[in-house]
Amino acid sequence: MLTEKELESAAALHLGTLLFRLSNLELNLGLELGDYKDMQTREANLNELANTGLKQKLDIYLRHVNQIYADDPIALKAFQDWFQSADLIRLKRNDLVHGRWGIVANRQQVVNVVGLPGASKQTETCYTIDELSREVKAVEDASDKFRKLREKWPI
């Protein structure tokens, strides 16, 4: 059983790793979109994407995929499957980033609370260290899948 301090340190390590992986996924998605048309319009594309959220980037990317691979059901299915997992990661990311964090040492849990204290829409999600580790793995897997999809079916 970890002490409160050890649990907090382990959670911080996993959450920090998770933030790095999430930001890398969004960066790679943005760079891919920036290169979409051609290198001559890259700067304009990147400037346009600078203030675009992850949801918008995912939607734009999927639109391009649907146009380019409209006649390739295998490619479409692969991208749509990836998009679904990436969108779930995006939703979870929002809670992870915008929520408050705490430790419940006697239950060996890390707690993420979203919403203001006392608000009826406040939610609480508890994680073990192993569960946080699986969250990191899910983002790493999504990033790896995105890389493979881009290599096989570039936009």
Protein backbone atom coordinates (compact mmCIF):
# COMPACT_ATOMS: atom_id res chain seq x y z
CA MET A 1 0.00 0.00 0.00
CA LEU A 2 1.35 3.38 -1.04
CA THR A 3 1.44 6.32 1.30
CA GLU A 4 -0.50 9.42 0.32
CA LYS A 5 2.70 11.09 -0.84
CA GLU A 6 3.78 8.04 -2.85
CA LEU A 7 0.33 7.75 -4.42
CA GLU A 8 0.37 11.42 -5.35
CA SER A 9 3.84 11.10 -6.89
CA ALA A 10 2.82 8.03 -8.91
CA ALA A 11 -0.35 9.77 -10.07
CA ALA A 12 1.58 12.90 -11.04
CA LEU A 13 4.00 10.82 -13.11
CA HIS A 14 1.17 9.11 -15.00
CA LEU A 15 -0.83 12.31 -15.46
CA GLY A 16 2.23 14.16 -16.71
CA THR A 17 2.98 11.36 -19.16
CA LEU A 18 -0.64 11.40 -20.24
CA LEU A 19 -0.50 15.15 -20.93
CA PHE A 20 2.65 14.71 -23.00
CA ARG A 21 1.06 11.92 -25.05
CA LEU A 22 -2.18 13.86 -25.54
CA SER A 23 -0.37 16.98 -26.68
CA ASN A 24 1.76 14.93 -29.09
CA LEU A 25 -1.36 13.36 -30.60
CA GLU A 26 -2.96 16.77 -31.10
CA LEU A 27 0.28 18.19 -32.49
CA ASN A 28 0.62 15.39 -35.04
CA LEU A 29 -3.01 15.79 -36.07
CA GLY A 30 -2.52 19.54 -36.52
CA LEU A 31 0.68 19.11 -38.51
CA GLU A 32 -1.00 16.55 -40.74
CA LEU A 33 -3.83 19.00 -41.40
CA GLY A 34 -1.35 21.81 -41.97
CA ASP A 35 0.27 19.81 -44.75
CA TYR A 36 -3.06 18.76 -46.23
CA LYS A 37 -3.16 20.86 -49.39
CA ASP A 38 0.47 21.52 -50.23
CA MET A 39 3.60 22.94 -48.72
CA GLN A 40 2.95 26.40 -50.22
CA THR A 41 -0.21 26.82 -48.16
CA ARG A 42 1.25 25.13 -45.07
CA GLU A 43 1.85 28.34 -43.10
CA ALA A 44 -1.67 29.61 -43.78
CA ASN A 45 -3.11 26.22 -42.86
CA LEU A 46 -1.13 26.08 -39.61
CA ASN A 47 -2.13 29.65 -38.69
CA GLU A 48 -5.77 28.77 -39.32
CA LEU A 49 -5.48 25.69 -37.09
CA ALA A 50 -3.66 27.52 -34.27
CA ASN A 51 -6.85 28.39 -32.38
CA THR A 52 -8.75 25.25 -33.30
CA GLY A 53 -9.65 22.73 -30.62
CA LEU A 54 -9.03 19.01 -30.82
CA LYS A 55 -12.67 18.28 -31.68
CA GLN A 56 -12.54 20.61 -34.66
CA LYS A 57 -9.23 19.15 -35.82
CA LEU A 58 -10.66 15.63 -35.63
CA ASP A 59 -13.78 16.69 -37.53
CA ILE A 60 -11.76 18.44 -40.25
CA TYR A 61 -9.47 15.45 -40.61
CA LEU A 62 -12.37 13.01 -40.88
CA ARG A 63 -14.02 15.22 -43.51
CA HIS A 64 -10.85 15.10 -45.61
CA VAL A 65 -10.61 11.34 -45.18
CA ASN A 66 -14.26 10.91 -46.18
CA GLN A 67 -13.65 12.95 -49.35
CA ILE A 68 -10.38 11.36 -50.36
CA TYR A 69 -11.28 7.75 -49.55
CA ALA A 70 -15.00 7.84 -50.39
CA ASP A 71 -14.53 4.82 -52.66
CA ASP A 72 -12.39 2.83 -50.22
CA PRO A 73 -14.58 1.25 -47.51
CA ILE A 74 -11.60 -0.38 -45.82
CA ALA A 75 -9.81 2.94 -45.37
CA LEU A 76 -13.01 4.64 -44.25
CA LYS A 77 -13.72 1.95 -41.66
CA ALA A 78 -10.15 2.09 -40.31
CA PHE A 79 -10.27 5.87 -39.96
CA GLN A 80 -13.76 5.87 -38.47
CA ASP A 81 -12.71 3.29 -35.87
CA TRP A 82 -9.69 5.41 -35.00
CA PHE A 83 -11.83 8.56 -34.91
CA GLN A 84 -14.21 6.98 -32.39
CA SER A 85 -11.38 6.04 -30.04
CA ALA A 86 -9.71 9.45 -30.52
CA ASP A 87 -12.97 11.23 -29.75
CA LEU A 88 -13.41 9.23 -26.53
CA ILE A 89 -9.86 10.15 -25.58
CA ARG A 90 -10.67 13.81 -26.33
CA LEU A 91 -13.68 13.74 -24.02
CA LYS A 92 -11.67 12.17 -21.24
CA ARG A 93 -8.83 14.63 -21.85
CA ASN A 94 -11.19 17.52 -21.24
CA ASP A 95 -12.09 16.14 -17.82
CA LEU A 96 -8.48 15.32 -16.98
CA VAL A 97 -7.26 18.79 -17.86
CA HIS A 98 -10.16 20.85 -16.53
CA GLY A 99 -10.90 18.86 -13.40
CA ARG A 100 -9.41 19.01 -9.92
CA TRP A 101 -7.26 16.19 -8.59
CA GLY A 102 -7.08 14.60 -5.20
CA ILE A 103 -5.88 11.49 -3.43
CA VAL A 104 -7.86 9.01 -1.34
CA ALA A 105 -4.98 7.12 0.21
CA ASN A 106 -7.01 4.56 2.15
CA ARG A 107 -8.68 3.44 -1.11
CA GLN A 108 -5.43 3.82 -3.13
CA GLN A 109 -7.26 6.02 -5.60
CA VAL A 110 -6.65 9.21 -7.46
CA VAL A 111 -9.79 11.30 -7.90
CA ASN A 112 -10.68 13.67 -10.74
CA VAL A 113 -13.56 16.04 -9.97
CA VAL A 114 -15.14 18.07 -12.77
CA GLY A 115 -17.42 20.99 -11.97
CA LEU A 116 -17.58 23.53 -9.21
CA PRO A 117 -18.04 22.35 -5.61
CA GLY A 118 -21.73 22.18 -4.80
CA ALA A 119 -22.82 22.30 -8.44
CA SER A 120 -25.39 19.68 -9.43
CA LYS A 121 -23.35 18.75 -12.52
CA GLN A 122 -20.18 17.98 -10.58
CA THR A 123 -18.80 14.54 -11.42
CA GLU A 124 -16.14 12.45 -9.76
CA THR A 125 -14.04 9.75 -11.41
CA CYS A 126 -11.71 7.56 -9.38
CA TYR A 127 -8.62 5.89 -10.81
CA THR A 128 -6.12 3.44 -9.47
CA ILE A 129 -2.52 3.86 -10.59
CA ASP A 130 -3.00 0.85 -12.90
CA GLU A 131 -6.05 2.53 -14.45
CA LEU A 132 -4.09 5.72 -15.06
CA SER A 133 -1.40 3.60 -16.68
CA ARG A 134 -4.03 2.10 -19.00
CA GLU A 135 -5.19 5.61 -19.91
CA VAL A 136 -1.62 6.45 -20.96
CA LYS A 137 -1.48 3.23 -22.98
CA ALA A 138 -4.77 4.04 -24.72
CA VAL A 139 -3.40 7.39 -25.91
CA GLU A 140 -0.13 5.79 -27.00
CA ASP A 141 -2.10 3.16 -28.94
CA ALA A 142 -4.27 5.84 -30.60
CA SER A 143 -1.16 7.81 -31.58
CA ASP A 144 0.48 4.70 -33.00
CA LYS A 145 -2.67 3.80 -34.93
CA PHE A 146 -2.88 7.34 -36.31
CA ARG A 147 0.73 7.12 -37.51
CA LYS A 148 0.03 3.80 -39.24
CA LEU A 149 -3.15 5.10 -40.86
CA ARG A 150 -1.34 8.19 -42.16
CA GLU A 151 1.40 6.01 -43.63
CA LYS A 152 -1.05 3.64 -45.32
CA TRP A 153 -3.64 6.23 -46.40
CA PRO A 154 -2.20 9.76 -46.48
CA ILE A 155 -4.51 12.72 -46.95
